[in-house]
C-alpha cells in the first residue's frame, strides 16, 4: 500500500490570474487619475504659468518706427531667359529718429539695391526659397550704406518676374 500512494501523479495547482488582473485594473485607474489630476491643474500646476499668462495679456508697446518707401525698380533680365523683367518694390523700416537721415541717402540705397539685383543670376531669382536669402543680403547692403542701427528691416512689397 505504500506503493499505491507513491504511484499517484502529483497534481500541480495553477496559480490564479486574479492578482494580475487586479494589478492591471489598478494601474489603469491610477494612470487615468494621474492624467486627470495633471490636466485639470490639481497637481503640478505652477503659479509662474499663471503669472506668464497674465503678462501675455498685456501687449507691449510697439517700437517707434517709420517706413521709408523705395521707388519701384525694374530690371531687365538677360535675353536668353523666359522672363524679361524683374519688378521690385520695397520699404525700409527705420527708427523714427533716423527717418530724415535715411531719406537723405535714399538715392544711394536705390543704387546699392539696383546694383545687387542686376548682379544676380536668373537661377537665384527663380527659386522661391531664395527670397529670404536675397532679403537678408539687401538688408545688409542697406545697413552698410545707411550706417549702424538706422535701418531695421527691408520689407519687400513686390518681387515679380515677368
N, C-alpha and C. Protein backbone atom coordinates (compact mmCIF):
# COMPACT_ATOMS: atom_id res chain seq x y z
N UNK A 1 0.78 -1.16 0.00
CA UNK A 1 0.00 0.00 0.00
C UNK A 1 0.85 1.26 0.00
N UNK A 2 1.96 1.12 0.49
CA UNK A 2 2.85 2.26 0.47
C UNK A 2 3.19 2.59 -0.96
N UNK A 3 3.20 1.53 -1.81
CA UNK A 3 3.49 1.78 -3.21
C UNK A 3 2.35 2.51 -3.91
N UNK A 4 1.15 2.32 -3.50
CA UNK A 4 0.00 2.91 -4.15
C UNK A 4 0.01 4.42 -4.00
N UNK A 5 0.42 4.93 -2.90
CA UNK A 5 0.45 6.37 -2.72
C UNK A 5 1.61 6.98 -3.47
N UNK A 6 2.63 6.24 -3.71
CA UNK A 6 3.79 6.76 -4.42
C UNK A 6 3.53 6.81 -5.91
N UNK A 7 2.66 5.95 -6.44
CA UNK A 7 2.39 5.94 -7.87
C UNK A 7 1.43 7.04 -8.29
N UNK A 8 0.74 7.65 -7.37
CA UNK A 8 -0.22 8.68 -7.72
C UNK A 8 0.53 9.89 -8.29
N UNK A 9 0.08 10.38 -9.46
CA UNK A 9 0.77 11.55 -10.02
C UNK A 9 0.51 12.80 -9.17
N UNK A 10 1.53 13.59 -9.06
CA UNK A 10 1.40 14.82 -8.28
C UNK A 10 0.67 15.86 -9.13
N UNK A 11 -0.38 16.39 -8.66
CA UNK A 11 -1.15 17.39 -9.40
C UNK A 11 -0.61 18.78 -9.06
N UNK A 12 -0.33 19.53 -10.11
CA UNK A 12 0.18 20.90 -9.92
C UNK A 12 -1.00 21.86 -9.84
N UNK A 13 -0.96 22.72 -8.88
CA UNK A 13 -2.04 23.68 -8.75
C UNK A 13 -1.70 24.89 -9.61
N UNK A 14 -2.66 25.34 -10.43
CA UNK A 14 -2.45 26.51 -11.28
C UNK A 14 -2.53 27.76 -10.42
N UNK A 15 -1.64 28.71 -10.73
CA UNK A 15 -1.69 29.96 -9.97
C UNK A 15 -2.84 30.80 -10.51
N UNK A 16 -3.43 31.54 -9.68
CA UNK A 16 -4.58 32.35 -10.04
C UNK A 16 -4.11 33.59 -10.80
N UNK A 17 -4.85 34.00 -11.83
CA UNK A 17 -4.52 35.20 -12.59
C UNK A 17 -5.24 36.42 -12.03
N UNK A 18 -5.96 36.24 -10.99
CA UNK A 18 -6.72 37.32 -10.38
C UNK A 18 -5.81 38.46 -9.89
N UNK A 19 -4.64 38.21 -9.25
CA UNK A 19 -3.78 39.32 -8.84
C UNK A 19 -3.27 40.13 -10.03
N UNK A 20 -2.99 39.47 -11.15
CA UNK A 20 -2.54 40.17 -12.35
C UNK A 20 -3.64 41.08 -12.88
N UNK A 21 -4.85 40.60 -12.93
CA UNK A 21 -5.97 41.39 -13.43
C UNK A 21 -6.23 42.57 -12.51
N UNK A 22 -6.22 42.32 -11.22
CA UNK A 22 -6.44 43.41 -10.25
C UNK A 22 -5.32 44.45 -10.38
N UNK A 23 -4.09 44.00 -10.57
CA UNK A 23 -2.96 44.92 -10.73
C UNK A 23 -3.11 45.78 -11.98
N UNK A 24 -3.54 45.19 -13.10
CA UNK A 24 -3.73 45.96 -14.32
C UNK A 24 -4.85 46.98 -14.18
N UNK A 25 -5.94 46.57 -13.54
CA UNK A 25 -7.06 47.50 -13.34
C UNK A 25 -6.63 48.67 -12.47
N UNK A 26 -5.91 48.40 -11.40
CA UNK A 26 -5.44 49.47 -10.52
C UNK A 26 -4.43 50.38 -11.24
N UNK A 27 -3.58 49.80 -12.07
CA UNK A 27 -2.61 50.58 -12.83
C UNK A 27 -3.32 51.52 -13.80
N UNK A 28 -4.32 51.03 -14.50
CA UNK A 28 -5.06 51.86 -15.44
C UNK A 28 -5.84 52.96 -14.70
N UNK A 29 -6.43 52.62 -13.57
CA UNK A 29 -7.17 53.61 -12.79
C UNK A 29 -6.22 54.69 -12.26
N UNK A 30 -5.06 54.27 -11.78
CA UNK A 30 -4.08 55.24 -11.29
C UNK A 30 -3.55 56.14 -12.40
N UNK A 31 -3.29 55.56 -13.57
CA UNK A 31 -2.83 56.36 -14.70
C UNK A 31 -3.88 57.36 -15.15
N UNK A 32 -5.13 56.91 -15.23
CA UNK A 32 -6.21 57.83 -15.60
C UNK A 32 -6.40 58.93 -14.58
N UNK A 33 -6.33 58.57 -13.31
CA UNK A 33 -6.47 59.57 -12.25
C UNK A 33 -5.33 60.57 -12.27
N UNK A 34 -4.12 60.07 -12.51
CA UNK A 34 -2.96 60.98 -12.58
C UNK A 34 -3.06 61.93 -13.77
N UNK A 35 -3.52 61.40 -14.90
CA UNK A 35 -3.69 62.25 -16.08
C UNK A 35 -4.71 63.34 -15.80
N UNK A 36 -5.86 62.94 -15.23
CA UNK A 36 -6.91 63.92 -14.95
C UNK A 36 -6.43 64.98 -13.96
N UNK A 37 -5.71 64.55 -12.92
CA UNK A 37 -5.24 65.50 -11.91
C UNK A 37 -4.25 66.49 -12.50
N UNK A 38 -3.40 66.03 -13.40
CA UNK A 38 -2.44 66.91 -14.04
C UNK A 38 -3.12 67.83 -15.04
N UNK A 39 -4.02 67.27 -15.83
CA UNK A 39 -4.72 68.02 -16.86
C UNK A 39 -5.60 69.11 -16.27
N UNK A 40 -6.26 68.81 -15.16
CA UNK A 40 -7.16 69.79 -14.55
C UNK A 40 -6.41 70.82 -13.72
N UNK A 41 -5.14 70.58 -13.47
CA UNK A 41 -4.34 71.54 -12.71
C UNK A 41 -4.35 71.31 -11.22
N UNK A 42 -4.86 70.17 -10.79
CA UNK A 42 -4.89 69.89 -9.36
C UNK A 42 -3.49 69.67 -8.81
N UNK A 43 -2.61 69.08 -9.62
CA UNK A 43 -1.22 68.87 -9.20
C UNK A 43 -0.31 69.37 -10.31
N UNK A 44 0.93 69.62 -9.96
CA UNK A 44 1.97 70.07 -10.88
C UNK A 44 1.63 71.35 -11.60
N UNK A 45 0.76 72.17 -11.06
CA UNK A 45 0.49 73.47 -11.66
C UNK A 45 1.33 74.49 -10.93
N UNK A 46 2.09 75.25 -11.68
CA UNK A 46 2.94 76.25 -11.04
C UNK A 46 2.28 77.61 -11.15
N UNK A 47 2.50 78.42 -10.19
CA UNK A 47 1.93 79.76 -10.21
C UNK A 47 2.61 80.62 -11.25
N UNK A 48 3.83 80.26 -11.63
CA UNK A 48 4.53 81.05 -12.64
C UNK A 48 3.83 80.95 -13.99
N UNK A 49 3.19 79.84 -14.28
CA UNK A 49 2.45 79.72 -15.51
C UNK A 49 1.30 80.71 -15.52
N UNK A 50 0.62 80.85 -14.40
CA UNK A 50 -0.46 81.82 -14.29
C UNK A 50 0.05 83.25 -14.43
N UNK A 51 1.22 83.52 -13.86
CA UNK A 51 1.80 84.86 -13.96
C UNK A 51 2.16 85.18 -15.40
N UNK A 52 2.73 84.20 -16.14
CA UNK A 52 3.07 84.42 -17.53
C UNK A 52 1.82 84.63 -18.38
N UNK A 53 0.75 83.95 -18.03
CA UNK A 53 -0.50 84.13 -18.77
C UNK A 53 -1.03 85.54 -18.57
N UNK A 54 -0.91 86.08 -17.36
CA UNK A 54 -1.35 87.44 -17.11
C UNK A 54 -0.48 88.44 -17.84
N UNK A 55 0.83 88.19 -17.88
CA UNK A 55 1.74 89.08 -18.58
C UNK A 55 1.49 89.04 -20.08
N UNK A 56 1.10 87.91 -20.59
CA UNK A 56 0.86 87.79 -22.02
C UNK A 56 -0.37 88.57 -22.45
N UNK A 57 -1.29 88.78 -21.54
CA UNK A 57 -2.50 89.53 -21.86
C UNK A 57 -2.21 91.00 -22.08
N UNK A 58 -1.17 91.53 -21.46
CA UNK A 58 -0.83 92.93 -21.60
C UNK A 58 0.14 93.09 -22.76
N UNK A 59 -0.31 93.67 -23.88
CA UNK A 59 0.59 93.79 -25.04
C UNK A 59 1.67 94.84 -24.80
N UNK A 60 2.82 94.56 -25.36
CA UNK A 60 3.93 95.51 -25.25
C UNK A 60 3.68 96.68 -26.20
N UNK A 61 4.23 97.80 -25.86
CA UNK A 61 4.12 98.96 -26.73
C UNK A 61 4.97 98.73 -27.98
N UNK A 62 4.44 99.12 -29.11
CA UNK A 62 5.18 98.95 -30.36
C UNK A 62 6.33 99.95 -30.41
N UNK A 63 7.44 99.55 -31.03
CA UNK A 63 8.56 100.48 -31.13
C UNK A 63 8.21 101.64 -32.06
N UNK A 64 8.86 102.73 -31.85
CA UNK A 64 8.66 103.92 -32.67
C UNK A 64 9.40 103.73 -33.99
N UNK A 65 8.68 103.31 -35.02
CA UNK A 65 9.28 103.10 -36.33
C UNK A 65 8.49 103.85 -37.38
N UNK A 66 9.17 104.10 -38.49
CA UNK A 66 8.54 104.70 -39.66
C UNK A 66 8.97 103.88 -40.87
N UNK A 67 8.24 104.04 -41.95
CA UNK A 67 8.55 103.28 -43.16
C UNK A 67 8.88 104.25 -44.28
N UNK A 68 10.05 104.03 -44.86
CA UNK A 68 10.50 104.85 -45.98
C UNK A 68 10.32 104.01 -47.24
N UNK A 69 9.51 104.50 -48.16
CA UNK A 69 9.20 103.76 -49.37
C UNK A 69 10.29 104.00 -50.42
N UNK A 70 10.72 102.93 -51.02
CA UNK A 70 11.69 102.99 -52.12
C UNK A 70 10.90 102.95 -53.42
N UNK A 71 11.27 103.82 -54.36
CA UNK A 71 10.60 103.81 -55.66
C UNK A 71 10.77 102.44 -56.32
N UNK A 72 9.77 102.00 -57.10
CA UNK A 72 9.88 100.69 -57.76
C UNK A 72 11.09 100.64 -58.68
N UNK A 73 11.72 99.48 -58.70
CA UNK A 73 12.88 99.25 -59.56
C UNK A 73 12.50 98.16 -60.56
N UNK A 74 12.76 98.43 -61.85
CA UNK A 74 12.52 97.44 -62.89
C UNK A 74 13.86 97.11 -63.51
N UNK A 75 14.16 95.82 -63.54
CA UNK A 75 15.46 95.36 -64.03
C UNK A 75 15.24 94.46 -65.24
N UNK A 76 15.98 94.71 -66.31
CA UNK A 76 15.91 93.85 -67.49
C UNK A 76 16.77 92.62 -67.24
N UNK A 77 16.22 91.47 -67.54
CA UNK A 77 16.94 90.21 -67.37
C UNK A 77 17.62 89.83 -68.68
N UNK A 78 18.59 88.92 -68.63
CA UNK A 78 19.27 88.51 -69.87
C UNK A 78 18.27 88.00 -70.91
N UNK A 79 18.59 88.19 -72.18
CA UNK A 79 17.66 87.87 -73.26
C UNK A 79 17.40 86.37 -73.39
N UNK A 80 18.28 85.52 -72.90
CA UNK A 80 18.10 84.07 -73.03
C UNK A 80 17.09 83.51 -72.03
N UNK A 81 16.57 84.33 -71.14
CA UNK A 81 15.63 83.84 -70.13
C UNK A 81 14.19 83.98 -70.64
N UNK A 82 13.32 83.17 -70.06
CA UNK A 82 11.90 83.22 -70.40
C UNK A 82 11.29 84.51 -69.86
N UNK A 83 11.64 84.87 -68.63
CA UNK A 83 11.17 86.13 -68.05
C UNK A 83 12.07 87.25 -68.57
N UNK A 84 11.47 88.41 -68.78
CA UNK A 84 12.24 89.51 -69.35
C UNK A 84 12.55 90.61 -68.36
N UNK A 85 11.70 90.74 -67.32
CA UNK A 85 11.89 91.83 -66.36
C UNK A 85 11.66 91.35 -64.93
N UNK A 86 12.31 92.04 -64.02
CA UNK A 86 12.07 91.88 -62.59
C UNK A 86 11.54 93.22 -62.09
N UNK A 87 10.38 93.18 -61.48
CA UNK A 87 9.83 94.39 -60.86
C UNK A 87 9.96 94.22 -59.36
N UNK A 88 10.63 95.20 -58.74
CA UNK A 88 10.94 95.15 -57.32
C UNK A 88 10.47 96.44 -56.66
N UNK A 89 9.75 96.29 -55.55
CA UNK A 89 9.30 97.43 -54.76
C UNK A 89 9.45 97.06 -53.30
N UNK A 90 9.96 98.00 -52.50
CA UNK A 90 10.20 97.70 -51.09
C UNK A 90 10.05 98.96 -50.24
N UNK A 91 10.00 98.73 -48.93
CA UNK A 91 10.01 99.81 -47.95
C UNK A 91 11.06 99.47 -46.90
N UNK A 92 11.60 100.49 -46.29
CA UNK A 92 12.60 100.31 -45.24
C UNK A 92 11.96 100.63 -43.90
N UNK A 93 12.14 99.75 -42.93
CA UNK A 93 11.69 100.01 -41.57
C UNK A 93 12.81 100.74 -40.85
N UNK A 94 12.50 101.96 -40.41
CA UNK A 94 13.53 102.85 -39.85
C UNK A 94 13.05 103.37 -38.50
N UNK A 95 13.93 103.45 -37.49
CA UNK A 95 13.54 104.10 -36.24
C UNK A 95 13.13 105.55 -36.51
N UNK A 96 12.14 106.03 -35.80
CA UNK A 96 11.56 107.36 -36.07
C UNK A 96 12.60 108.48 -36.06
N UNK A 97 13.58 108.37 -35.21
CA UNK A 97 14.56 109.46 -35.12
C UNK A 97 15.54 109.50 -36.29
N UNK A 98 15.57 108.43 -37.12
CA UNK A 98 16.51 108.39 -38.25
C UNK A 98 15.84 108.50 -39.61
N UNK A 99 14.57 108.87 -39.65
CA UNK A 99 13.85 108.93 -40.93
C UNK A 99 14.48 109.95 -41.86
N UNK A 100 14.78 111.14 -41.36
CA UNK A 100 15.37 112.19 -42.21
C UNK A 100 16.73 111.77 -42.76
N UNK A 101 17.53 111.10 -41.93
CA UNK A 101 18.85 110.66 -42.37
C UNK A 101 18.75 109.63 -43.50
N UNK A 102 17.82 108.70 -43.36
CA UNK A 102 17.67 107.66 -44.37
C UNK A 102 17.09 108.23 -45.66
N UNK A 103 16.13 109.15 -45.54
CA UNK A 103 15.56 109.76 -46.75
C UNK A 103 16.61 110.58 -47.49
N UNK A 104 17.56 111.16 -46.77
CA UNK A 104 18.62 111.95 -47.41
C UNK A 104 19.54 111.07 -48.25
N UNK A 105 19.74 109.82 -47.84
CA UNK A 105 20.65 108.95 -48.61
C UNK A 105 19.88 107.91 -49.43
N UNK A 106 18.59 108.15 -49.66
CA UNK A 106 17.77 107.20 -50.41
C UNK A 106 18.29 106.93 -51.82
N UNK A 107 18.81 107.92 -52.55
CA UNK A 107 19.37 107.60 -53.87
C UNK A 107 20.54 106.60 -53.79
N UNK A 108 21.32 106.69 -52.75
CA UNK A 108 22.42 105.75 -52.56
C UNK A 108 21.90 104.35 -52.27
N UNK A 109 20.83 104.26 -51.47
CA UNK A 109 20.20 102.97 -51.17
C UNK A 109 19.65 102.34 -52.44
N UNK A 110 18.97 103.13 -53.25
CA UNK A 110 18.42 102.62 -54.52
C UNK A 110 19.55 102.14 -55.42
N UNK A 111 20.65 102.85 -55.46
CA UNK A 111 21.79 102.44 -56.28
C UNK A 111 22.35 101.10 -55.81
N UNK A 112 22.48 100.92 -54.51
CA UNK A 112 23.02 99.66 -53.98
C UNK A 112 22.08 98.50 -54.30
N UNK A 113 20.79 98.71 -54.12
CA UNK A 113 19.82 97.65 -54.41
C UNK A 113 19.78 97.33 -55.91
N UNK A 114 19.82 98.37 -56.72
CA UNK A 114 19.80 98.18 -58.17
C UNK A 114 21.03 97.40 -58.63
N UNK A 115 22.19 97.76 -58.11
CA UNK A 115 23.43 97.06 -58.47
C UNK A 115 23.39 95.60 -58.03
N UNK A 116 22.88 95.36 -56.82
CA UNK A 116 22.81 93.98 -56.32
C UNK A 116 21.85 93.15 -57.15
N UNK A 117 20.67 93.68 -57.44
CA UNK A 117 19.68 92.91 -58.20
C UNK A 117 20.14 92.63 -59.63
N UNK A 118 20.87 93.56 -60.23
CA UNK A 118 21.38 93.32 -61.59
C UNK A 118 22.50 92.28 -61.60
N UNK A 119 23.21 92.14 -60.50
CA UNK A 119 24.31 91.18 -60.44
C UNK A 119 23.82 89.75 -60.21
N UNK A 120 22.58 89.59 -59.82
CA UNK A 120 22.06 88.25 -59.56
C UNK A 120 21.86 87.47 -60.85
N UNK A 121 22.00 86.17 -60.74
CA UNK A 121 21.74 85.31 -61.88
C UNK A 121 20.28 84.88 -61.85
N UNK A 122 19.78 84.43 -62.98
CA UNK A 122 18.37 84.08 -63.10
C UNK A 122 17.99 82.94 -62.15
N UNK A 123 18.87 81.98 -61.95
CA UNK A 123 18.55 80.86 -61.06
C UNK A 123 18.35 81.34 -59.62
N UNK A 124 19.02 82.44 -59.23
CA UNK A 124 18.83 83.00 -57.89
C UNK A 124 17.45 83.62 -57.74
N UNK A 125 16.91 84.15 -58.81
CA UNK A 125 15.62 84.82 -58.76
C UNK A 125 14.45 83.86 -58.88
N UNK A 126 14.63 82.76 -59.59
CA UNK A 126 13.53 81.84 -59.86
C UNK A 126 13.20 80.93 -58.68
N UNK A 127 14.14 80.65 -57.82
CA UNK A 127 13.91 79.77 -56.68
C UNK A 127 13.11 80.51 -55.61
N UNK A 128 11.88 80.04 -55.29
CA UNK A 128 11.06 80.75 -54.30
C UNK A 128 11.69 80.83 -52.91
N UNK A 129 12.46 79.84 -52.53
CA UNK A 129 13.05 79.85 -51.19
C UNK A 129 14.24 80.80 -51.09
N UNK A 130 14.72 81.30 -52.20
CA UNK A 130 15.88 82.19 -52.15
C UNK A 130 15.49 83.62 -51.79
N UNK A 131 14.20 83.94 -51.76
CA UNK A 131 13.78 85.30 -51.43
C UNK A 131 14.25 85.71 -50.04
N UNK A 132 14.25 84.80 -49.10
CA UNK A 132 14.71 85.11 -47.74
C UNK A 132 16.20 85.47 -47.75
N UNK A 133 16.97 84.71 -48.50
CA UNK A 133 18.41 84.99 -48.59
C UNK A 133 18.66 86.32 -49.29
N UNK A 134 17.92 86.59 -50.36
CA UNK A 134 18.07 87.85 -51.08
C UNK A 134 17.71 89.04 -50.19
N UNK A 135 16.65 88.86 -49.41
CA UNK A 135 16.22 89.92 -48.49
C UNK A 135 17.30 90.22 -47.46
N UNK A 136 17.91 89.17 -46.92
CA UNK A 136 18.97 89.36 -45.92
C UNK A 136 20.18 90.07 -46.54
N UNK A 137 20.50 89.70 -47.78
CA UNK A 137 21.62 90.35 -48.46
C UNK A 137 21.33 91.84 -48.71
N UNK A 138 20.09 92.12 -49.12
CA UNK A 138 19.73 93.52 -49.38
C UNK A 138 19.74 94.33 -48.09
N UNK A 139 19.24 93.74 -47.00
CA UNK A 139 19.25 94.44 -45.72
C UNK A 139 20.68 94.75 -45.29
N UNK A 140 21.56 93.81 -45.45
CA UNK A 140 22.96 94.04 -45.07
C UNK A 140 23.57 95.17 -45.88
N UNK A 141 23.31 95.19 -47.17
CA UNK A 141 23.86 96.25 -48.02
C UNK A 141 23.27 97.62 -47.66
N UNK A 142 21.98 97.65 -47.37
CA UNK A 142 21.34 98.93 -46.99
C UNK A 142 21.89 99.40 -45.65
N UNK A 143 22.12 98.49 -44.72
CA UNK A 143 22.67 98.88 -43.42
C UNK A 143 24.09 99.41 -43.54
N UNK A 144 24.85 98.88 -44.48
CA UNK A 144 26.22 99.39 -44.69
C UNK A 144 26.16 100.81 -45.21
N UNK A 145 25.23 101.09 -46.13
CA UNK A 145 25.11 102.42 -46.71
C UNK A 145 24.53 103.41 -45.69
N UNK A 146 23.50 103.00 -44.97
CA UNK A 146 22.79 103.92 -44.07
C UNK A 146 23.53 104.15 -42.76
N UNK A 147 24.32 103.21 -42.35
CA UNK A 147 25.00 103.34 -41.08
C UNK A 147 24.39 102.40 -40.06
N UNK A 148 25.09 102.19 -38.95
CA UNK A 148 24.61 101.25 -37.94
C UNK A 148 23.32 101.71 -37.27
N UNK A 149 22.41 100.78 -37.05
CA UNK A 149 21.15 101.00 -36.32
C UNK A 149 20.22 102.04 -36.95
N UNK A 150 20.35 102.26 -38.24
CA UNK A 150 19.45 103.23 -38.89
C UNK A 150 18.34 102.55 -39.68
N UNK A 151 18.56 101.30 -40.10
CA UNK A 151 17.54 100.56 -40.84
C UNK A 151 17.35 99.23 -40.12
N UNK A 152 16.11 98.95 -39.71
CA UNK A 152 15.81 97.70 -39.01
C UNK A 152 15.54 96.55 -39.96
N UNK A 153 14.85 96.84 -41.08
CA UNK A 153 14.43 95.75 -41.95
C UNK A 153 14.11 96.28 -43.34
N UNK A 154 14.18 95.38 -44.31
CA UNK A 154 13.74 95.66 -45.68
C UNK A 154 12.47 94.87 -45.88
N UNK A 155 11.38 95.57 -46.15
CA UNK A 155 10.09 94.93 -46.36
C UNK A 155 9.82 94.88 -47.86
N UNK A 156 9.81 93.69 -48.42
CA UNK A 156 9.60 93.53 -49.86
C UNK A 156 8.11 93.58 -50.13
N UNK A 157 7.69 94.55 -50.92
CA UNK A 157 6.28 94.72 -51.25
C UNK A 157 5.93 94.04 -52.57
N UNK A 158 6.88 94.00 -53.48
CA UNK A 158 6.63 93.42 -54.79
C UNK A 158 7.93 92.84 -55.32
N UNK A 159 7.85 91.60 -55.80
CA UNK A 159 9.00 90.90 -56.36
C UNK A 159 8.44 90.01 -57.47
N UNK A 160 8.34 90.57 -58.66
CA UNK A 160 7.64 89.91 -59.74
C UNK A 160 8.56 89.70 -60.93
N UNK A 161 8.61 88.46 -61.39
CA UNK A 161 9.33 88.13 -62.62
C UNK A 161 8.29 88.01 -63.73
N UNK A 162 8.46 88.79 -64.80
CA UNK A 162 7.54 88.65 -65.94
C UNK A 162 8.26 88.81 -67.25
